[in-house]
Amino acid sequence: QVRLVESGGGLVQAGDSLRLSCAASGRSFNTYRMAWFRQAPGKERDFVAAISSSGGSTSYAGSVSGRFTISRDNAKNTVYLQLNSLKPEDTAVYYCAAALRQYSNYRRFDEYDYWGQGTQVTVSS
């Protein structure tokens, strides 16, 4: 059973930065495809960023491209999301997700097998 624990969220002002962390259990972290999703009040859970098991490939939603960076440290069983130039519209609960098998579309919510509890990011104007 894979357990994911997010941390690093908080209340910041527009233009500020945060780094979110997702710590994973298990011995096979270096085989998992990892991603971040976010969900704002009254909205669907949306894809933010994904990273391959080795860290060699990354993908981003258009709304965050150029501002957010996903990375991973397989020796620490941890994936990160660096959030720069934050905007009020980035306010959401951010969730870490893991896919144990190769997926067809990494932007789909139902492609992932395990989820963290989420961490709140609030950006004031």
N, C-alpha and C. Protein backbone atom coordinates (compact mmCIF):
# COMPACT_ATOMS: atom_id res chain seq x y z
N GLN A 1 0.85 -1.18 0.00
CA GLN A 1 0.00 0.00 0.00
C GLN A 1 0.89 1.23 0.00
N VAL A 2 0.70 2.10 -0.99
CA VAL A 2 1.48 3.31 -1.11
C VAL A 2 0.79 4.44 -0.36
N ARG A 3 1.54 5.12 0.47
CA ARG A 3 1.03 6.27 1.20
C ARG A 3 1.75 7.53 0.74
N LEU A 4 0.97 8.57 0.48
CA LEU A 4 1.50 9.84 0.02
C LEU A 4 1.10 10.94 1.01
N VAL A 5 2.06 11.76 1.40
CA VAL A 5 1.81 12.82 2.36
C VAL A 5 2.35 14.12 1.81
N GLU A 6 1.44 15.08 1.53
CA GLU A 6 1.83 16.38 1.03
C GLU A 6 2.11 17.34 2.18
N SER A 7 2.96 18.32 1.91
CA SER A 7 3.24 19.38 2.85
C SER A 7 3.72 20.61 2.10
N GLY A 8 3.75 21.75 2.77
CA GLY A 8 4.30 22.95 2.20
C GLY A 8 3.31 24.02 1.79
N GLY A 9 2.02 23.73 1.86
CA GLY A 9 1.02 24.72 1.51
C GLY A 9 0.95 25.83 2.54
N GLY A 10 0.23 26.90 2.19
CA GLY A 10 0.08 28.01 3.11
C GLY A 10 -0.60 29.19 2.46
N LEU A 11 -0.63 30.29 3.20
CA LEU A 11 -1.23 31.54 2.74
C LEU A 11 -0.12 32.50 2.33
N VAL A 12 -0.15 32.93 1.07
CA VAL A 12 0.87 33.83 0.54
C VAL A 12 0.21 34.93 -0.27
N GLN A 13 1.00 35.94 -0.62
CA GLN A 13 0.52 37.03 -1.45
C GLN A 13 0.85 36.77 -2.92
N ALA A 14 0.10 37.39 -3.80
CA ALA A 14 0.37 37.28 -5.23
C ALA A 14 1.82 37.65 -5.52
N GLY A 15 2.46 36.84 -6.37
CA GLY A 15 3.85 37.04 -6.71
C GLY A 15 4.82 36.24 -5.86
N ASP A 16 4.35 35.70 -4.75
CA ASP A 16 5.20 34.91 -3.87
C ASP A 16 5.42 33.50 -4.41
N SER A 17 6.25 32.74 -3.71
CA SER A 17 6.58 31.37 -4.09
C SER A 17 6.35 30.41 -2.95
N LEU A 18 6.10 29.15 -3.30
CA LEU A 18 6.00 28.06 -2.35
C LEU A 18 6.63 26.83 -2.97
N ARG A 19 7.09 25.92 -2.13
CA ARG A 19 7.52 24.62 -2.59
C ARG A 19 6.73 23.55 -1.85
N LEU A 20 5.96 22.78 -2.60
CA LEU A 20 5.21 21.68 -2.05
C LEU A 20 6.03 20.40 -2.12
N SER A 21 5.88 19.54 -1.12
CA SER A 21 6.56 18.26 -1.09
C SER A 21 5.55 17.14 -0.95
N CYS A 22 5.87 16.00 -1.51
CA CYS A 22 5.04 14.80 -1.39
C CYS A 22 5.96 13.64 -1.07
N ALA A 23 5.85 13.14 0.15
CA ALA A 23 6.67 12.02 0.59
C ALA A 23 5.90 10.72 0.40
N ALA A 24 6.55 9.73 -0.21
CA ALA A 24 5.91 8.46 -0.54
C ALA A 24 6.54 7.32 0.24
N SER A 25 5.72 6.36 0.61
CA SER A 25 6.20 5.15 1.24
C SER A 25 6.54 4.12 0.18
N GLY A 26 7.10 2.99 0.60
CA GLY A 26 7.36 1.90 -0.31
C GLY A 26 8.78 1.84 -0.81
N ARG A 27 9.09 0.72 -1.46
CA ARG A 27 10.43 0.47 -1.96
C ARG A 27 10.58 0.69 -3.45
N SER A 28 9.48 1.00 -4.11
CA SER A 28 9.48 1.08 -5.57
C SER A 28 9.14 2.46 -6.09
N PHE A 29 9.45 3.50 -5.32
CA PHE A 29 9.13 4.86 -5.72
C PHE A 29 9.73 5.20 -7.08
N ASN A 30 10.91 4.66 -7.36
CA ASN A 30 11.58 4.99 -8.61
C ASN A 30 10.92 4.35 -9.83
N THR A 31 9.84 3.59 -9.63
CA THR A 31 9.06 3.05 -10.74
C THR A 31 7.72 3.77 -10.92
N TYR A 32 7.36 4.68 -10.01
CA TYR A 32 6.06 5.34 -10.07
C TYR A 32 6.12 6.58 -10.94
N ARG A 33 5.07 6.76 -11.73
CA ARG A 33 4.84 8.03 -12.39
C ARG A 33 4.10 8.92 -11.40
N MET A 34 4.54 10.14 -11.23
CA MET A 34 3.98 11.03 -10.22
C MET A 34 3.36 12.27 -10.86
N ALA A 35 2.38 12.85 -10.16
CA ALA A 35 1.72 14.03 -10.68
C ALA A 35 1.18 14.88 -9.54
N TRP A 36 0.88 16.14 -9.88
CA TRP A 36 0.16 17.04 -9.00
C TRP A 36 -1.13 17.46 -9.69
N PHE A 37 -2.21 17.45 -8.94
CA PHE A 37 -3.50 17.98 -9.36
C PHE A 37 -3.93 19.04 -8.36
N ARG A 38 -4.91 19.86 -8.73
CA ARG A 38 -5.45 20.83 -7.80
C ARG A 38 -6.95 20.97 -7.98
N GLN A 39 -7.61 21.38 -6.90
CA GLN A 39 -9.05 21.53 -6.93
C GLN A 39 -9.44 22.78 -6.16
N ALA A 40 -10.06 23.72 -6.85
CA ALA A 40 -10.57 24.94 -6.24
C ALA A 40 -12.03 24.74 -5.85
N PRO A 41 -12.55 25.53 -4.92
CA PRO A 41 -13.94 25.38 -4.51
C PRO A 41 -14.91 25.48 -5.69
N GLY A 42 -15.80 24.51 -5.80
CA GLY A 42 -16.78 24.49 -6.86
C GLY A 42 -16.25 24.07 -8.21
N LYS A 43 -14.99 23.66 -8.29
CA LYS A 43 -14.38 23.27 -9.55
C LYS A 43 -13.99 21.80 -9.54
N GLU A 44 -13.73 21.26 -10.72
CA GLU A 44 -13.25 19.89 -10.85
C GLU A 44 -11.78 19.82 -10.50
N ARG A 45 -11.32 18.61 -10.22
CA ARG A 45 -9.91 18.40 -9.96
C ARG A 45 -9.14 18.45 -11.28
N ASP A 46 -8.20 19.36 -11.39
CA ASP A 46 -7.50 19.62 -12.63
C ASP A 46 -6.04 19.21 -12.56
N PHE A 47 -5.54 18.72 -13.68
CA PHE A 47 -4.14 18.37 -13.82
C PHE A 47 -3.26 19.61 -13.71
N VAL A 48 -2.13 19.48 -13.03
CA VAL A 48 -1.16 20.56 -12.90
C VAL A 48 0.17 20.20 -13.55
N ALA A 49 0.75 19.07 -13.13
CA ALA A 49 2.07 18.68 -13.63
C ALA A 49 2.28 17.19 -13.42
N ALA A 50 3.12 16.58 -14.26
CA ALA A 50 3.46 15.18 -14.13
C ALA A 50 4.94 14.98 -14.42
N ILE A 51 5.48 13.89 -13.88
CA ILE A 51 6.89 13.58 -14.05
C ILE A 51 7.06 12.08 -14.20
N SER A 52 7.95 11.67 -15.09
CA SER A 52 8.20 10.26 -15.31
C SER A 52 8.94 9.65 -14.13
N SER A 53 9.01 8.32 -14.11
CA SER A 53 9.62 7.63 -12.98
C SER A 53 11.07 8.00 -12.75
N SER A 54 11.79 8.24 -13.82
CA SER A 54 13.20 8.61 -13.72
C SER A 54 13.40 10.11 -13.52
N GLY A 55 12.36 10.89 -13.76
CA GLY A 55 12.47 12.34 -13.73
C GLY A 55 12.91 12.94 -15.04
N GLY A 56 13.07 12.12 -16.06
CA GLY A 56 13.58 12.60 -17.33
C GLY A 56 12.58 13.35 -18.18
N SER A 57 11.28 13.18 -17.90
CA SER A 57 10.25 13.84 -18.68
C SER A 57 9.26 14.52 -17.75
N THR A 58 8.86 15.74 -18.08
CA THR A 58 7.87 16.48 -17.31
C THR A 58 6.84 17.08 -18.25
N SER A 59 5.62 17.28 -17.72
CA SER A 59 4.55 17.91 -18.47
C SER A 59 3.78 18.83 -17.56
N TYR A 60 3.21 19.91 -18.12
CA TYR A 60 2.52 20.92 -17.33
C TYR A 60 1.22 21.35 -18.00
N ALA A 61 0.28 21.75 -17.16
CA ALA A 61 -0.89 22.41 -17.67
C ALA A 61 -0.49 23.78 -18.21
N GLY A 62 -1.19 24.23 -19.24
CA GLY A 62 -0.85 25.50 -19.85
C GLY A 62 -0.91 26.68 -18.89
N SER A 63 -1.81 26.62 -17.92
CA SER A 63 -2.00 27.72 -16.98
C SER A 63 -0.83 27.90 -16.01
N VAL A 64 0.02 26.87 -15.87
CA VAL A 64 1.13 26.94 -14.92
C VAL A 64 2.48 26.85 -15.61
N SER A 65 2.50 26.54 -16.88
CA SER A 65 3.76 26.40 -17.61
C SER A 65 4.57 27.69 -17.52
N GLY A 66 5.85 27.54 -17.19
CA GLY A 66 6.72 28.69 -17.03
C GLY A 66 6.76 29.24 -15.63
N ARG A 67 5.81 28.85 -14.78
CA ARG A 67 5.76 29.33 -13.40
C ARG A 67 6.01 28.22 -12.39
N PHE A 68 5.52 27.01 -12.67
CA PHE A 68 5.66 25.88 -11.76
C PHE A 68 6.69 24.89 -12.31
N THR A 69 7.36 24.18 -11.41
CA THR A 69 8.33 23.16 -11.79
C THR A 69 8.14 21.93 -10.94
N ILE A 70 7.95 20.77 -11.58
CA ILE A 70 7.87 19.51 -10.86
C ILE A 70 9.24 18.83 -10.92
N SER A 71 9.62 18.20 -9.82
CA SER A 71 10.89 17.49 -9.76
C SER A 71 10.75 16.34 -8.77
N ARG A 72 11.74 15.45 -8.75
CA ARG A 72 11.69 14.35 -7.81
C ARG A 72 13.09 13.97 -7.38
N ASP A 73 13.17 13.42 -6.18
CA ASP A 73 14.41 12.90 -5.64
C ASP A 73 14.11 11.47 -5.23
N ASN A 74 14.47 10.53 -6.09
CA ASN A 74 14.13 9.13 -5.84
C ASN A 74 14.85 8.56 -4.63
N ALA A 75 16.01 9.09 -4.29
CA ALA A 75 16.72 8.65 -3.11
C ALA A 75 15.98 9.01 -1.83
N LYS A 76 15.13 10.05 -1.89
CA LYS A 76 14.35 10.50 -0.74
C LYS A 76 12.88 10.12 -0.84
N ASN A 77 12.50 9.40 -1.89
CA ASN A 77 11.09 9.03 -2.10
C ASN A 77 10.18 10.25 -2.06
N THR A 78 10.59 11.32 -2.71
CA THR A 78 9.86 12.59 -2.62
C THR A 78 9.74 13.24 -3.99
N VAL A 79 8.56 13.80 -4.24
CA VAL A 79 8.33 14.62 -5.42
C VAL A 79 7.99 16.03 -4.95
N TYR A 80 8.41 17.03 -5.72
CA TYR A 80 8.24 18.42 -5.35
C TYR A 80 7.47 19.17 -6.43
N LEU A 81 6.84 20.25 -6.01
CA LEU A 81 6.26 21.20 -6.94
C LEU A 81 6.66 22.60 -6.49
N GLN A 82 7.49 23.24 -7.28
CA GLN A 82 7.90 24.61 -7.01
C GLN A 82 6.89 25.55 -7.67
N LEU A 83 6.25 26.39 -6.89
CA LEU A 83 5.24 27.32 -7.38
C LEU A 83 5.80 28.73 -7.29
N ASN A 84 6.06 29.34 -8.43
CA ASN A 84 6.57 30.70 -8.49
C ASN A 84 5.54 31.63 -9.09
N SER A 85 5.70 32.92 -8.84
CA SER A 85 4.82 33.94 -9.40
C SER A 85 3.35 33.60 -9.18
N LEU A 86 3.01 33.26 -7.97
CA LEU A 86 1.67 32.80 -7.66
C LEU A 86 0.62 33.87 -7.91
N LYS A 87 -0.53 33.42 -8.38
CA LYS A 87 -1.67 34.27 -8.68
C LYS A 87 -2.86 33.84 -7.83
N PRO A 88 -3.80 34.74 -7.58
CA PRO A 88 -4.99 34.34 -6.82
C PRO A 88 -5.71 33.14 -7.42
N GLU A 89 -5.72 33.01 -8.74
CA GLU A 89 -6.38 31.89 -9.37
C GLU A 89 -5.67 30.55 -9.16
N ASP A 90 -4.49 30.57 -8.55
CA ASP A 90 -3.80 29.34 -8.17
C ASP A 90 -4.32 28.78 -6.85
N THR A 91 -5.17 29.52 -6.17
CA THR A 91 -5.72 29.07 -4.90
C THR A 91 -6.49 27.77 -5.08
N ALA A 92 -6.12 26.75 -4.33
CA ALA A 92 -6.74 25.43 -4.45
C ALA A 92 -6.12 24.50 -3.43
N VAL A 93 -6.73 23.33 -3.28
CA VAL A 93 -6.09 22.23 -2.58
C VAL A 93 -5.26 21.48 -3.60
N TYR A 94 -3.99 21.27 -3.30
CA TYR A 94 -3.08 20.59 -4.20
C TYR A 94 -2.87 19.16 -3.73
N TYR A 95 -3.05 18.21 -4.66
CA TYR A 95 -2.96 16.79 -4.37
C TYR A 95 -1.81 16.15 -5.13
N CYS A 96 -1.10 15.28 -4.45
CA CYS A 96 -0.08 14.45 -5.05
C CYS A 96 -0.69 13.11 -5.45
N ALA A 97 -0.28 12.57 -6.59
CA ALA A 97 -0.82 11.30 -7.08
C ALA A 97 0.29 10.43 -7.64
N ALA A 98 0.10 9.11 -7.54
CA ALA A 98 1.06 8.14 -8.04
C ALA A 98 0.38 7.13 -8.94
N ALA A 99 1.01 6.84 -10.07
CA ALA A 99 0.55 5.80 -10.98
C ALA A 99 1.57 4.67 -10.97
N LEU A 100 1.11 3.48 -10.64
CA LEU A 100 2.01 2.33 -10.54
C LEU A 100 2.24 1.65 -11.87
N ARG A 101 1.34 1.88 -12.81
CA ARG A 101 1.45 1.29 -14.14
C ARG A 101 1.51 2.38 -15.19
N GLN A 102 2.02 2.02 -16.34
CA GLN A 102 2.08 2.96 -17.44
C GLN A 102 0.66 3.39 -17.81
N TYR A 103 0.47 4.67 -18.02
CA TYR A 103 -0.86 5.18 -18.34
C TYR A 103 -0.93 5.69 -19.77
N SER A 104 -2.17 5.83 -20.24
CA SER A 104 -2.40 6.32 -21.59
C SER A 104 -2.44 7.84 -21.65
N ASN A 105 -2.99 8.47 -20.59
CA ASN A 105 -3.14 9.91 -20.56
C ASN A 105 -2.88 10.40 -19.14
N TYR A 106 -1.73 10.99 -18.92
CA TYR A 106 -1.32 11.40 -17.58
C TYR A 106 -2.11 12.58 -17.04
N ARG A 107 -2.94 13.20 -17.87
CA ARG A 107 -3.76 14.33 -17.43
C ARG A 107 -5.10 13.88 -16.84
N ARG A 108 -5.40 12.59 -16.90
CA ARG A 108 -6.67 12.07 -16.41
C ARG A 108 -6.58 11.67 -14.95
N PHE A 109 -7.55 12.12 -14.18
CA PHE A 109 -7.63 11.82 -12.75
C PHE A 109 -7.64 10.31 -12.49
N ASP A 110 -8.39 9.55 -13.30
CA ASP A 110 -8.57 8.13 -13.04
C ASP A 110 -7.41 7.26 -13.51
N GLU A 111 -6.34 7.84 -13.98
CA GLU A 111 -5.15 7.09 -14.34
C GLU A 111 -4.25 6.82 -13.13
N TYR A 112 -4.53 7.46 -12.01
CA TYR A 112 -3.65 7.36 -10.85
C TYR A 112 -4.23 6.44 -9.78
N ASP A 113 -3.34 5.71 -9.11
CA ASP A 113 -3.72 4.67 -8.18
C ASP A 113 -3.78 5.12 -6.73
N TYR A 114 -2.96 6.08 -6.35
CA TYR A 114 -2.86 6.54 -4.97
C TYR A 114 -2.83 8.05 -4.92
N TRP A 115 -3.42 8.58 -3.83
CA TRP A 115 -3.53 10.02 -3.64
C TRP A 115 -3.18 10.41 -2.22
N GLY A 116 -2.60 11.58 -2.08
CA GLY A 116 -2.39 12.16 -0.77
C GLY A 116 -3.63 12.86 -0.27
N GLN A 117 -3.54 13.42 0.92
CA GLN A 117 -4.69 14.08 1.55
C GLN A 117 -4.89 15.51 1.07
N GLY A 118 -3.91 16.08 0.40
CA GLY A 118 -3.99 17.43 -0.11
C GLY A 118 -3.39 18.45 0.84
N THR A 119 -2.91 19.55 0.27
CA THR A 119 -2.40 20.66 1.05
C THR A 119 -2.95 21.95 0.45
N GLN A 120 -3.43 22.85 1.31
CA GLN A 120 -4.10 24.07 0.86
C GLN A 120 -3.09 25.15 0.49
N VAL A 121 -3.28 25.72 -0.69
CA VAL A 121 -2.52 26.89 -1.12
C VAL A 121 -3.51 28.02 -1.33
N THR A 122 -3.31 29.12 -0.62
CA THR A 122 -4.18 30.28 -0.74
C THR A 122 -3.33 31.49 -1.12
N VAL A 123 -3.70 32.15 -2.20
CA VAL A 123 -2.95 33.29 -2.70
C VAL A 123 -3.84 34.52 -2.65
N SER A 124 -3.45 35.51 -1.88
CA SER A 124 -4.21 36.75 -1.76
C SER A 124 -3.68 37.79 -2.73
N SER A 125 -4.55 38.70 -3.16
CA SER A 125 -4.16 39.75 -4.10
C SER A 125 -3.67 40.98 -3.39
